[in-house]
Amino acid sequence: MTIYILCFILFSIGLYCAVRMRNIIKIIIGIGIMDYAVNLLLVLIGYQSKAQSPINPPDQLLKRIVDPVPQAMVMVSIVIGLAVTLILVACAIRIYDKYHTFDITKINQLKR
C-alpha cells in the first residue's frame, strides 16, 4: 500500500512542477515525472502475489508473476510519453528562438 502512496507523491511532485514553475524546461520535466509515476503505478498494478501462471504448471519456484497486459500498456505509454516530450521540447526551442527566454511570465508580457 505504501508503494501506491509513493506513486501518488511522485505524481504530485510532477503536477506541482507542471503547474507552479515559471520555466518551460521545468514544466516539461514535471510532465515527464508525472508520466513516470503513471508507468510505475501500472507496473505495480500488474504485479500479482501468489498467483498461478496460465502457461507453466505451478511449482515452488513460481510464486510471483507479473501480468503481461499492464507491461504492454507501459511500453505503449513510454513511446507516447517520448513523443509528447519531443513535441514539448520542439515547442520550447521555437519559443526560445522567438522570445529569447524560457520564463512564461516574461513571454506573457512581451508584445510581438
C-alpha atoms as a PDB file:
ATOM      1  CA  MET A   1       0.000   0.000   0.000  1.00  0.00           C
ATOM      2  CA  THR A   2       2.847   2.386   0.754  1.00  0.00           C
ATOM      3  CA  ILE A   3       4.223   1.913  -2.756  1.00  0.00           C
ATOM      4  CA  TYR A   4       0.968   3.230  -4.218  1.00  0.00           C
ATOM      5  CA  ILE A   5       1.183   6.226  -1.905  1.00  0.00           C
ATOM      6  CA  LEU A   6       4.733   6.857  -3.099  1.00  0.00           C
ATOM      7  CA  CYS A   7       3.472   6.769  -6.702  1.00  0.00           C
ATOM      8  CA  PHE A   8       0.868   9.369  -5.750  1.00  0.00           C
ATOM      9  CA  ILE A   9       3.557  11.526  -4.101  1.00  0.00           C
ATOM     10  CA  LEU A  10       5.731  11.263  -7.227  1.00  0.00           C
ATOM     11  CA  PHE A  11       2.752  12.248  -9.385  1.00  0.00           C
ATOM     12  CA  SER A  12       2.025  15.173  -7.032  1.00  0.00           C
ATOM     13  CA  ILE A  13       5.622  16.411  -7.349  1.00  0.00           C
ATOM     14  CA  GLY A  14       5.330  16.305 -11.139  1.00  0.00           C
ATOM     15  CA  LEU A  15       1.978  18.097 -11.037  1.00  0.00           C
ATOM     16  CA  TYR A  16       3.448  20.784  -8.787  1.00  0.00           C
ATOM     17  CA  CYS A  17       6.322  21.283 -11.229  1.00  0.00           C
ATOM     18  CA  ALA A  18       3.972  21.471 -14.198  1.00  0.00           C
ATOM     19  CA  VAL A  19       1.572  23.942 -12.576  1.00  0.00           C
ATOM     20  CA  ARG A  20       3.688  26.197 -10.361  1.00  0.00           C
ATOM     21  CA  MET A  21       7.015  26.531 -12.175  1.00  0.00           C
ATOM     22  CA  ARG A  22       7.697  29.506 -14.428  1.00  0.00           C
ATOM     23  CA  ASN A  23      10.406  27.928 -16.584  1.00  0.00           C
ATOM     24  CA  ILE A  24       9.276  25.951 -19.628  1.00  0.00           C
ATOM     25  CA  ILE A  25      12.049  23.369 -19.178  1.00  0.00           C
ATOM     26  CA  LYS A  26      10.944  22.710 -15.577  1.00  0.00           C
ATOM     27  CA  ILE A  27       7.356  22.312 -16.764  1.00  0.00           C
ATOM     28  CA  ILE A  28       8.489  19.694 -19.294  1.00  0.00           C
ATOM     29  CA  ILE A  29      10.428  17.874 -16.567  1.00  0.00           C
ATOM     30  CA  GLY A  30       7.320  17.914 -14.348  1.00  0.00           C
ATOM     31  CA  ILE A  31       5.240  16.363 -17.119  1.00  0.00           C
ATOM     32  CA  GLY A  32       7.917  13.677 -17.515  1.00  0.00           C
ATOM     33  CA  ILE A  33       7.824  12.933 -13.780  1.00  0.00           C
ATOM     34  CA  MET A  34       4.050  12.517 -13.944  1.00  0.00           C
ATOM     35  CA  ASP A  35       4.474  10.132 -16.879  1.00  0.00           C
ATOM     36  CA  TYR A  36       6.983   8.037 -14.924  1.00  0.00           C
ATOM     37  CA  ALA A  37       4.650   7.925 -11.909  1.00  0.00           C
ATOM     38  CA  VAL A  38       1.766   6.622 -14.018  1.00  0.00           C
ATOM     39  CA  ASN A  39       4.022   3.995 -15.630  1.00  0.00           C
ATOM     40  CA  LEU A  40       5.227   2.847 -12.219  1.00  0.00           C
ATOM     41  CA  LEU A  41       1.637   2.599 -10.979  1.00  0.00           C
ATOM     42  CA  LEU A  42       0.653   0.479 -13.983  1.00  0.00           C
ATOM     43  CA  VAL A  43       3.548  -1.901 -13.372  1.00  0.00           C
ATOM     44  CA  LEU A  44       2.640  -2.177  -9.675  1.00  0.00           C
ATOM     45  CA  ILE A  45      -0.985  -2.908 -10.520  1.00  0.00           C
ATOM     46  CA  GLY A  46       0.133  -5.751 -12.788  1.00  0.00           C
ATOM     47  CA  TYR A  47       2.166  -7.426 -10.030  1.00  0.00           C
ATOM     48  CA  GLN A  48       0.310 -10.391  -8.541  1.00  0.00           C
ATOM     49  CA  SER A  49       1.443 -12.193  -5.446  1.00  0.00           C
ATOM     50  CA  LYS A  50       0.759 -15.936  -5.040  1.00  0.00           C
ATOM     51  CA  ALA A  51      -0.778 -16.272  -8.492  1.00  0.00           C
ATOM     52  CA  GLN A  52      -0.515 -19.211 -10.837  1.00  0.00           C
ATOM     53  CA  SER A  53       0.827 -18.787 -14.320  1.00  0.00           C
ATOM     54  CA  PRO A  54      -1.579 -19.776 -17.100  1.00  0.00           C
ATOM     55  CA  ILE A  55       1.315 -21.163 -19.182  1.00  0.00           C
ATOM     56  CA  ASN A  56       3.569 -23.027 -16.741  1.00  0.00           C
ATOM     57  CA  PRO A  57       2.382 -25.530 -14.159  1.00  0.00           C
ATOM     58  CA  PRO A  58       2.619 -24.249 -10.593  1.00  0.00           C
ATOM     59  CA  ASP A  59       5.761 -25.183  -8.697  1.00  0.00           C
ATOM     60  CA  GLN A  60       7.828 -23.895  -5.807  1.00  0.00           C
ATOM     61  CA  LEU A  61       9.904 -21.535  -7.929  1.00  0.00           C
ATOM     62  CA  LEU A  62       6.865 -19.846  -9.430  1.00  0.00           C
ATOM     63  CA  LYS A  63       5.353 -17.925  -6.535  1.00  0.00           C
ATOM     64  CA  ARG A  64       5.037 -14.470  -8.028  1.00  0.00           C
ATOM     65  CA  ILE A  65       4.230 -13.455 -11.586  1.00  0.00           C
ATOM     66  CA  VAL A  66       3.536 -10.238 -13.412  1.00  0.00           C
ATOM     67  CA  ASP A  67       0.532  -9.752 -15.644  1.00  0.00           C
ATOM     68  CA  PRO A  68       1.726  -9.015 -19.217  1.00  0.00           C
ATOM     69  CA  VAL A  69      -1.155  -6.665 -20.131  1.00  0.00           C
ATOM     70  CA  PRO A  70      -0.049  -3.754 -17.871  1.00  0.00           C
ATOM     71  CA  GLN A  71       3.512  -4.280 -19.099  1.00  0.00           C
ATOM     72  CA  ALA A  72       2.322  -3.867 -22.682  1.00  0.00           C
ATOM     73  CA  MET A  73       0.373  -0.767 -21.655  1.00  0.00           C
ATOM     74  CA  VAL A  74       3.508   0.672 -20.061  1.00  0.00           C
ATOM     75  CA  MET A  75       5.511   0.007 -23.228  1.00  0.00           C
ATOM     76  CA  VAL A  76       2.923   1.896 -25.275  1.00  0.00           C
ATOM     77  CA  SER A  77       2.844   4.647 -22.652  1.00  0.00           C
ATOM     78  CA  ILE A  78       6.626   5.025 -22.795  1.00  0.00           C
ATOM     79  CA  VAL A  79       6.508   5.524 -26.567  1.00  0.00           C
ATOM     80  CA  ILE A  80       3.649   8.015 -26.323  1.00  0.00           C
ATOM     81  CA  GLY A  81       5.407   9.849 -23.479  1.00  0.00           C
ATOM     82  CA  LEU A  82       8.579  10.093 -25.542  1.00  0.00           C
ATOM     83  CA  ALA A  83       6.651  11.552 -28.482  1.00  0.00           C
ATOM     84  CA  VAL A  84       4.902  14.098 -26.252  1.00  0.00           C
ATOM     85  CA  THR A  85       8.212  15.085 -24.652  1.00  0.00           C
ATOM     86  CA  LEU A  86       9.819  15.571 -28.067  1.00  0.00           C
ATOM     87  CA  ILE A  87       6.938  17.787 -29.185  1.00  0.00           C
ATOM     88  CA  LEU A  88       7.163  19.839 -25.977  1.00  0.00           C
ATOM     89  CA  VAL A  89      10.924  20.286 -26.369  1.00  0.00           C
ATOM     90  CA  ALA A  90      10.458  21.334 -30.002  1.00  0.00           C
ATOM     91  CA  CYS A  91       7.862  23.898 -28.921  1.00  0.00           C
ATOM     92  CA  ALA A  92      10.186  25.145 -26.176  1.00  0.00           C
ATOM     93  CA  ILE A  93      13.009  25.583 -28.691  1.00  0.00           C
ATOM     94  CA  ARG A  94      10.721  27.555 -31.026  1.00  0.00           C
ATOM     95  CA  ILE A  95       9.561  29.741 -28.134  1.00  0.00           C
ATOM     96  CA  TYR A  96      13.171  30.396 -27.141  1.00  0.00           C
ATOM     97  CA  ASP A  97      14.073  31.306 -30.725  1.00  0.00           C
ATOM     98  CA  LYS A  98      11.238  33.816 -30.881  1.00  0.00           C
ATOM     99  CA  TYR A  99      11.313  35.347 -27.385  1.00  0.00           C
ATOM    100  CA  HIS A 100      14.895  34.548 -26.183  1.00  0.00           C
ATOM    101  CA  THR A 101      13.635  33.355 -22.799  1.00  0.00           C
ATOM    102  CA  PHE A 102      12.108  30.289 -21.161  1.00  0.00           C
ATOM    103  CA  ASP A 103      10.249  32.292 -18.489  1.00  0.00           C
ATOM    104  CA  ILE A 104       6.498  32.198 -19.151  1.00  0.00           C
ATOM    105  CA  THR A 105       5.816  35.418 -17.227  1.00  0.00           C
ATOM    106  CA  LYS A 106       8.188  37.356 -19.488  1.00  0.00           C
ATOM    107  CA  ILE A 107       6.676  35.748 -22.576  1.00  0.00           C
ATOM    108  CA  ASN A 108       3.204  36.877 -21.480  1.00  0.00           C
ATOM    109  CA  GLN A 109       4.467  40.465 -21.058  1.00  0.00           C
ATOM    110  CA  LEU A 110       6.103  40.698 -24.500  1.00  0.00           C
ATOM    111  CA  LYS A 111       4.078  42.241 -27.319  1.00  0.00           C
ATOM    112  CA  ARG A 112       5.397  40.899 -30.639  1.00  0.00           C
END
